[in-house]
Amino acid sequence: MKKLNIGILGATGIVGQNYIRLLQNHPWFQIIDVAASPRSANKTYKEAVEQKWQMAIPIPHNLQNLIVRDVQDFDSMSNKVDFVFSAISLPNKEDIKNIEFKYAEKGIPVISNNSAHRWTPDVPMIIGEINYEHVNVIPIQQKRRGFKKGFVVVKPNCSLQSYLTPIYALEKAGYKLDKLIITTLQAVSGAGYPGVSSMDMVDNIIPYIDGEEEKTEREPLKILGTVGEDGIINNNSIEISTTCTRVPVIDGHTASVNIHFTDKIPKKDEIITIWRNFKSIPQELDLPFAPTQPIIYLENIDRPQPKKDRDNDKGMAVTVGRLREDNVFDYKFVSLSHNTIRGAAGGAILNAELLVTKGFIK
């Protein structure tokens, strides 16, 4: 297929850099536009980013001389851009909302990594393997807001992506859950760059991340919800209690999960079989960023571990282990996902691929 032309909003930040790293040699997409704050505008991408480039690859040669556009200079964007990934970082969430909707108003689909629109009812918040049908909210959004070709789609917070797919797989198999207690052990890269001070992080665990527990408890309700006339109707059938901590790990969010079933309780071997056999639309469509096996279960008693398992299946799989009976609830397990790939740019790229195959991006 002819490659689609894309732009990166917030291209000089860590998430923007990750988009650029992951999109190198993508079979469907090519970057032709980079935008950032006024501080970086009118510089070459190399000039704007070389002092803060954090990726394990050099700045791609084909992007070094691209002129960085002011992210709020909508009219200077090339008319050849088919859609944009948004990794804007601004202190005011309302400013991010307005900017993303402005691009949509201009006819540009926006696939966002930001939290600003996650609770906008007519903006779908998608994990490709779970709620792919939420793309059907897009026509509702376009009609309500007067968008023609443009729209905004977001991906959820990185913390919940380490555990929600295994939960959904059990629900989809007919085993409904009503209570979850979760403790996350989140990598320092989730705080961005420069992130948490080394004096705070080395030889330490920080038992609080601002806003993270609220996101981890609330966002699944929208993701597991249904499409209504005006947007997403939340699913309030599962109670979720979380404690979110920051641990001295570079990449990979781990979750310790205790689960309680509503009525039917599967056997342990059946749960493992459900996870190992689970596939969804991204796998059926063989999307480039889709993991071949979305849930990988490891029998080793001491796995998963971030250092050994975060990169499983392109960094896009959820790796699970230590499934055992729980003395208070029914079962407990440990799960892991790569927070800057599956939980951030990679998850958004998968969403874009899904939107292309469903005809929303052309």
Protein backbone atom coordinates (compact mmCIF):
# COMPACT_ATOMS: atom_id res chain seq x y z
CA MET A 1 0.00 0.00 0.00
CA LYS A 2 1.04 3.61 -0.53
CA LYS A 3 2.39 4.97 2.75
CA LEU A 4 0.30 7.48 4.68
CA ASN A 5 1.95 10.79 5.59
CA ILE A 6 1.92 11.57 9.29
CA GLY A 7 2.86 14.31 11.70
CA ILE A 8 4.08 14.14 15.30
CA LEU A 9 2.78 16.81 17.69
CA GLY A 10 5.21 17.21 20.57
CA ALA A 11 7.96 15.61 18.52
CA THR A 12 10.85 16.80 20.68
CA GLY A 13 9.63 15.26 23.98
CA ILE A 14 10.27 11.72 25.16
CA VAL A 15 6.99 10.29 23.88
CA GLY A 16 7.47 12.12 20.58
CA GLN A 17 10.97 10.68 20.31
CA ASN A 18 9.56 7.22 20.97
CA TYR A 19 7.09 7.67 18.12
CA ILE A 20 9.96 8.59 15.83
CA ARG A 21 12.02 5.59 16.97
CA LEU A 22 9.17 3.09 16.59
CA LEU A 23 7.95 4.43 13.26
CA GLN A 24 11.27 3.94 11.50
CA ASN A 25 10.63 1.57 8.58
CA HIS A 26 6.93 1.26 9.38
CA PRO A 27 5.30 -0.40 6.36
CA TRP A 28 2.26 1.91 6.34
CA PHE A 29 3.34 5.28 7.77
CA GLN A 30 6.03 7.86 7.03
CA ILE A 31 6.78 11.04 9.02
CA ILE A 32 6.70 14.28 7.03
CA ASP A 33 5.79 16.81 9.74
CA VAL A 34 7.14 17.50 13.23
CA ALA A 35 5.70 20.10 15.60
CA ALA A 36 6.59 21.30 19.08
CA SER A 37 6.49 24.35 21.33
CA PRO A 38 7.43 27.84 20.10
CA ARG A 39 10.89 27.32 21.66
CA SER A 40 11.66 24.68 19.05
CA ALA A 41 9.73 26.18 16.14
CA ASN A 42 11.65 27.10 12.97
CA LYS A 43 14.68 25.04 13.97
CA THR A 44 15.67 21.87 12.21
CA TYR A 45 14.59 18.78 14.11
CA LYS A 46 18.24 17.97 14.80
CA GLU A 47 18.88 21.44 16.25
CA ALA A 48 15.74 21.27 18.38
CA VAL A 49 16.28 17.82 19.86
CA GLU A 50 19.95 16.79 19.75
CA GLN A 51 20.75 18.03 23.28
CA LYS A 52 17.86 16.03 24.76
CA TRP A 53 17.69 13.00 22.46
CA GLN A 54 17.16 9.96 24.69
CA MET A 55 16.58 7.12 22.25
CA ALA A 56 18.99 4.21 21.73
CA ILE A 57 19.22 5.03 18.02
CA PRO A 58 20.69 8.15 16.36
CA ILE A 59 18.32 10.89 15.27
CA PRO A 60 17.00 9.45 11.98
CA HIS A 61 18.89 10.98 9.08
CA ASN A 62 15.74 11.56 7.01
CA LEU A 63 14.22 13.72 9.80
CA GLN A 64 17.24 15.73 10.89
CA ASN A 65 16.59 18.63 8.51
CA LEU A 66 12.80 18.75 8.85
CA ILE A 67 11.81 22.21 10.08
CA VAL A 68 9.94 22.03 13.39
CA ARG A 69 6.54 23.68 13.18
CA ASP A 70 4.88 25.55 16.05
CA VAL A 71 2.26 23.05 17.23
CA GLN A 72 -0.36 25.81 17.35
CA ASP A 73 0.43 27.10 13.87
CA PHE A 74 -2.23 24.96 12.24
CA ASP A 75 -2.12 26.66 8.85
CA SER A 76 1.58 25.98 8.22
CA MET A 77 1.09 22.21 8.28
CA SER A 78 1.52 20.49 4.93
CA ASN A 79 -1.75 19.60 3.24
CA LYS A 80 -0.19 16.22 2.51
CA VAL A 81 -0.45 15.12 6.18
CA ASP A 82 -3.05 12.34 6.50
CA PHE A 83 -3.15 12.21 10.32
CA VAL A 84 -1.10 13.10 13.40
CA PHE A 85 0.07 11.44 16.59
CA SER A 86 -0.26 13.78 19.55
CA ALA A 87 2.33 13.74 22.34
CA ILE A 88 1.84 17.36 23.40
CA SER A 89 2.94 18.18 26.93
CA LEU A 90 1.33 21.30 28.42
CA PRO A 91 0.53 22.16 32.05
CA ASN A 92 -3.11 22.97 31.23
CA LYS A 93 -5.18 20.00 30.01
CA GLU A 94 -7.78 22.34 28.50
CA ASP A 95 -5.11 23.75 26.19
CA ILE A 96 -4.29 20.24 24.98
CA LYS A 97 -8.00 19.50 24.41
CA ASN A 98 -8.42 22.68 22.39
CA ILE A 99 -5.34 22.05 20.26
CA GLU A 100 -6.33 18.46 19.46
CA PHE A 101 -9.89 19.46 18.59
CA LYS A 102 -8.53 22.29 16.41
CA TYR A 103 -6.60 19.77 14.32
CA ALA A 104 -9.74 17.62 14.05
CA GLU A 105 -11.69 20.72 12.98
CA LYS A 106 -9.09 21.24 10.25
CA GLY A 107 -9.86 17.75 8.95
CA ILE A 108 -6.89 15.95 10.55
CA PRO A 109 -7.44 12.73 12.53
CA VAL A 110 -5.60 12.89 15.87
CA ILE A 111 -4.39 9.75 17.66
CA SER A 112 -3.43 11.04 21.08
CA ASN A 113 -1.17 9.82 23.85
CA ASN A 114 -2.48 12.49 26.22
CA SER A 115 -4.85 12.14 29.14
CA ALA A 116 -6.73 15.36 28.35
CA HIS A 117 -9.53 13.77 26.32
CA ARG A 118 -9.75 10.40 28.09
CA TRP A 119 -12.95 11.43 29.86
CA THR A 120 -14.54 13.27 26.96
CA PRO A 121 -17.58 10.97 26.37
CA ASP A 122 -17.49 11.11 22.56
CA VAL A 123 -13.71 10.51 22.36
CA PRO A 124 -12.95 6.76 22.29
CA MET A 125 -10.14 5.49 24.54
CA ILE A 126 -8.94 2.33 22.83
CA ILE A 127 -6.88 -0.76 23.57
CA GLY A 128 -6.98 -2.58 20.24
CA GLU A 129 -7.52 -6.07 21.65
CA ILE A 130 -10.29 -4.99 24.04
CA ASN A 131 -12.64 -2.28 22.77
CA TYR A 132 -11.93 -1.99 19.05
CA GLU A 133 -15.68 -1.48 18.46
CA HIS A 134 -15.41 1.91 20.19
CA VAL A 135 -14.24 3.30 16.84
CA ASN A 136 -17.98 3.53 16.18
CA VAL A 137 -18.04 6.59 18.45
CA ILE A 138 -16.09 8.54 15.83
CA PRO A 139 -19.14 9.36 13.63
CA ILE A 140 -20.97 10.52 16.79
CA GLN A 141 -18.05 12.82 17.64
CA GLN A 142 -17.87 14.18 14.10
CA LYS A 143 -21.60 14.89 13.94
CA ARG A 144 -21.75 16.55 17.37
CA ARG A 145 -18.71 18.75 16.77
CA GLY A 146 -19.06 19.48 13.08
CA PHE A 147 -15.88 17.64 12.06
CA LYS A 148 -15.76 16.33 8.51
CA LYS A 149 -12.72 14.08 8.18
CA GLY A 150 -11.04 14.89 11.47
CA PHE A 151 -11.56 13.29 14.89
CA VAL A 152 -9.70 12.55 18.15
CA VAL A 153 -8.97 9.07 19.51
CA VAL A 154 -6.91 8.46 22.66
CA LYS A 155 -5.05 5.58 24.25
CA PRO A 156 -5.37 4.89 28.00
CA ASN A 157 -2.90 5.36 30.80
CA CYS A 158 0.14 3.07 30.75
CA SER A 159 -0.45 1.69 34.26
CA LEU A 160 -3.67 -0.20 33.53
CA GLN A 161 -2.35 -1.77 30.31
CA SER A 162 -0.20 -4.12 32.38
CA TYR A 163 -3.29 -5.91 33.74
CA LEU A 164 -6.49 -5.07 31.82
CA THR A 165 -6.09 -7.39 28.82
CA PRO A 166 -5.87 -10.55 31.00
CA ILE A 167 -8.97 -9.34 32.89
CA TYR A 168 -10.85 -8.72 29.64
CA ALA A 169 -9.88 -12.15 28.30
CA LEU A 170 -11.54 -13.79 31.32
CA GLU A 171 -14.66 -11.64 30.97
CA LYS A 172 -14.87 -12.42 27.26
CA ALA A 173 -14.66 -16.15 28.08
CA GLY A 174 -17.75 -15.76 30.28
CA TYR A 175 -16.13 -15.43 33.71
CA LYS A 176 -17.34 -12.10 35.04
CA LEU A 177 -15.37 -10.27 37.71
CA ASP A 178 -16.68 -7.80 40.26
CA LYS A 179 -13.65 -6.84 42.38
CA LEU A 180 -9.99 -6.13 41.67
CA ILE A 181 -7.25 -5.03 44.05
CA ILE A 182 -4.10 -3.94 42.24
CA THR A 183 -0.66 -2.70 43.24
CA THR A 184 1.41 -1.30 40.40
CA LEU A 185 5.21 -1.12 40.40
CA GLN A 186 5.86 1.50 37.74
CA ALA A 187 9.08 2.24 35.91
CA VAL A 188 10.82 5.62 36.14
CA SER A 189 10.48 6.21 32.38
CA GLY A 190 6.76 6.67 33.02
CA ALA A 191 7.61 10.00 34.64
CA GLY A 192 9.24 11.33 31.45
CA TYR A 193 12.64 12.97 31.24
CA PRO A 194 14.43 13.97 33.46
CA GLY A 195 11.73 12.34 35.60
CA VAL A 196 12.30 11.41 39.23
CA SER A 197 15.49 12.59 40.91
CA SER A 198 18.11 9.85 41.33
CA MET A 199 18.42 10.85 45.00
CA ASP A 200 14.75 9.97 45.42
CA MET A 201 14.77 6.84 43.28
CA VAL A 202 17.99 4.91 43.91
CA ASP A 203 17.63 2.42 46.79
CA ASN A 204 14.02 3.47 47.18
CA ILE A 205 10.35 2.98 46.30
CA ILE A 206 8.00 5.95 46.09
CA PRO A 207 4.48 4.90 47.18
CA TYR A 208 2.64 7.74 45.45
CA ILE A 209 2.30 8.95 41.85
CA ASP A 210 0.13 12.01 41.41
CA GLY A 211 -3.16 11.17 39.69
CA GLU A 212 -2.14 7.63 38.81
CA GLU A 213 -4.47 5.71 41.10
CA GLU A 214 -7.49 7.66 39.89
CA LYS A 215 -6.59 6.90 36.26
CA THR A 216 -5.92 3.22 36.99
CA GLU A 217 -9.24 2.80 38.77
CA ARG A 218 -11.46 4.86 36.45
CA GLU A 219 -10.20 4.38 32.90
CA PRO A 220 -11.08 0.65 32.70
CA LEU A 221 -14.73 1.58 33.27
CA LYS A 222 -14.76 3.52 30.00
CA ILE A 223 -12.68 0.97 28.10
CA LEU A 224 -15.03 -1.85 29.15
CA GLY A 225 -18.09 0.31 28.43
CA THR A 226 -20.50 0.30 25.50
CA VAL A 227 -21.26 2.70 22.66
CA GLY A 228 -24.36 4.81 23.32
CA GLU A 229 -26.14 7.53 21.35
CA ASP A 230 -23.94 10.32 22.73
CA GLY A 231 -20.69 8.47 23.32
CA ILE A 232 -19.33 5.82 25.67
CA ILE A 233 -21.47 4.49 28.52
CA ASN A 234 -19.18 3.34 31.34
CA ASN A 235 -19.23 -0.21 32.68
CA ASN A 236 -19.53 0.07 36.47
CA SER A 237 -19.80 -3.65 37.16
CA ILE A 238 -16.22 -4.00 38.46
CA GLU A 239 -14.92 -2.30 41.60
CA ILE A 240 -11.21 -1.49 41.35
CA SER A 241 -8.90 -0.45 44.19
CA THR A 242 -5.31 0.45 43.33
CA THR A 243 -2.05 1.49 44.92
CA CYS A 244 0.45 2.93 42.42
CA THR A 245 4.16 3.02 43.26
CA ARG A 246 7.31 4.12 41.47
CA VAL A 247 10.19 1.63 41.56
CA PRO A 248 13.85 1.82 40.40
CA VAL A 249 13.27 0.13 37.04
CA ILE A 250 13.92 1.93 33.74
CA ASP A 251 11.11 0.42 31.60
CA GLY A 252 8.24 -1.94 32.31
CA HIS A 253 5.20 -1.50 34.54
CA THR A 254 4.44 -4.50 36.76
CA ALA A 255 1.10 -5.12 38.50
CA SER A 256 0.20 -7.44 41.37
CA VAL A 257 -3.48 -8.27 40.83
CA ASN A 258 -6.06 -9.90 43.12
CA ILE A 259 -9.34 -10.86 41.40
CA HIS A 260 -12.81 -11.88 42.57
CA PHE A 261 -15.36 -13.47 40.25
CA THR A 262 -19.06 -12.59 40.34
CA ASP A 263 -20.29 -16.20 40.34
CA LYS A 264 -18.60 -18.85 38.17
CA ILE A 265 -14.96 -19.47 39.14
CA PRO A 266 -12.74 -21.12 36.52
CA LYS A 267 -10.03 -23.61 37.38
CA LYS A 268 -6.43 -22.44 37.29
CA ASP A 269 -5.57 -24.46 34.18
CA GLU A 270 -8.60 -23.02 32.41
CA ILE A 271 -7.51 -19.45 33.13
CA ILE A 272 -4.06 -20.14 31.71
CA THR A 273 -5.60 -21.73 28.63
CA ILE A 274 -7.89 -18.70 28.13
CA TRP A 275 -4.92 -16.36 28.30
CA ARG A 276 -2.74 -18.41 25.98
CA ASN A 277 -5.51 -18.78 23.39
CA PHE A 278 -6.65 -15.18 23.52
CA LYS A 279 -6.51 -13.28 20.25
CA SER A 280 -8.50 -10.34 18.97
CA ILE A 281 -9.05 -8.08 15.99
CA PRO A 282 -5.45 -6.77 15.74
CA GLN A 283 -4.21 -10.37 15.48
CA GLU A 284 -6.93 -11.37 13.00
CA LEU A 285 -6.04 -8.36 10.84
CA ASP A 286 -2.30 -9.07 11.26
CA LEU A 287 -1.60 -5.42 11.99
CA PRO A 288 2.12 -4.51 11.89
CA PHE A 289 2.33 -3.50 15.57
CA ALA A 290 0.00 -6.20 16.89
CA PRO A 291 1.67 -8.79 19.12
CA THR A 292 1.28 -12.30 17.75
CA GLN A 293 0.34 -13.46 21.24
CA PRO A 294 -1.27 -10.59 23.22
CA ILE A 295 -1.00 -12.43 26.55
CA ILE A 296 2.07 -14.54 27.29
CA TYR A 297 1.85 -16.77 30.38
CA LEU A 298 5.11 -17.92 31.97
CA GLU A 299 5.27 -20.95 34.25
CA ASN A 300 8.50 -19.85 35.98
CA ILE A 301 7.74 -19.09 39.62
CA ASP A 302 9.85 -15.89 39.53
CA ARG A 303 8.45 -14.33 36.33
CA PRO A 304 7.55 -11.95 34.81
CA GLN A 305 10.47 -9.62 35.41
CA PRO A 306 10.83 -6.21 33.69
CA LYS A 307 14.45 -6.77 32.64
CA LYS A 308 13.71 -10.15 31.06
CA ASP A 309 10.14 -9.81 29.79
CA ARG A 310 9.24 -6.20 28.95
CA ASP A 311 10.33 -6.56 25.31
CA ASN A 312 8.27 -9.68 24.62
CA ASP A 313 6.68 -9.65 21.15
CA LYS A 314 8.01 -6.22 20.08
CA GLY A 315 7.27 -4.83 23.55
CA MET A 316 3.56 -5.08 22.74
CA ALA A 317 2.56 -8.22 24.72
CA VAL A 318 1.31 -8.43 28.29
CA THR A 319 3.35 -11.04 30.15
CA VAL A 320 1.66 -12.82 33.08
CA GLY A 321 2.86 -15.24 35.73
CA ARG A 322 2.42 -16.46 39.31
CA LEU A 323 -1.26 -17.31 38.96
CA ARG A 324 -2.36 -18.90 42.25
CA GLU A 325 -5.39 -19.12 44.51
CA ASP A 326 -5.97 -16.19 46.86
CA ASN A 327 -6.96 -16.55 50.53
CA VAL A 328 -9.28 -13.50 50.41
CA PHE A 329 -10.35 -13.22 46.76
CA ASP A 330 -10.36 -16.05 44.20
CA TYR A 331 -6.99 -15.74 42.41
CA LYS A 332 -3.94 -13.50 42.21
CA PHE A 333 -1.28 -13.03 39.56
CA VAL A 334 1.55 -10.75 38.44
CA SER A 335 1.54 -9.07 35.04
CA LEU A 336 3.88 -6.81 33.10
CA SER A 337 3.85 -4.58 30.03
CA HIS A 338 6.33 -2.20 28.43
CA ASN A 339 5.13 1.24 29.47
CA THR A 340 6.79 3.31 26.73
CA ILE A 341 5.93 0.89 23.91
CA ARG A 342 2.63 -0.90 24.61
CA GLY A 343 1.63 1.70 27.18
CA ALA A 344 2.47 4.75 25.09
CA ALA A 345 3.61 5.26 21.50
CA GLY A 346 3.33 1.63 20.39
CA GLY A 347 -0.23 1.35 21.64
CA ALA A 348 -1.18 4.52 19.77
CA ILE A 349 0.48 3.24 16.57
CA LEU A 350 -1.57 0.05 16.86
CA ASN A 351 -4.71 2.20 17.24
CA ALA A 352 -3.78 4.10 14.08
CA GLU A 353 -3.35 0.83 12.18
CA LEU A 354 -6.77 -0.31 13.37
CA LEU A 355 -8.33 2.99 12.25
CA VAL A 356 -6.76 2.61 8.81
CA THR A 357 -8.14 -0.90 8.35
CA LYS A 358 -11.58 0.24 9.52
CA GLY A 359 -11.60 3.06 6.97
CA PHE A 360 -11.47 6.02 9.34
CA ILE A 361 -8.04 7.14 8.09
CA LYS A 362 -7.54 7.27 4.34
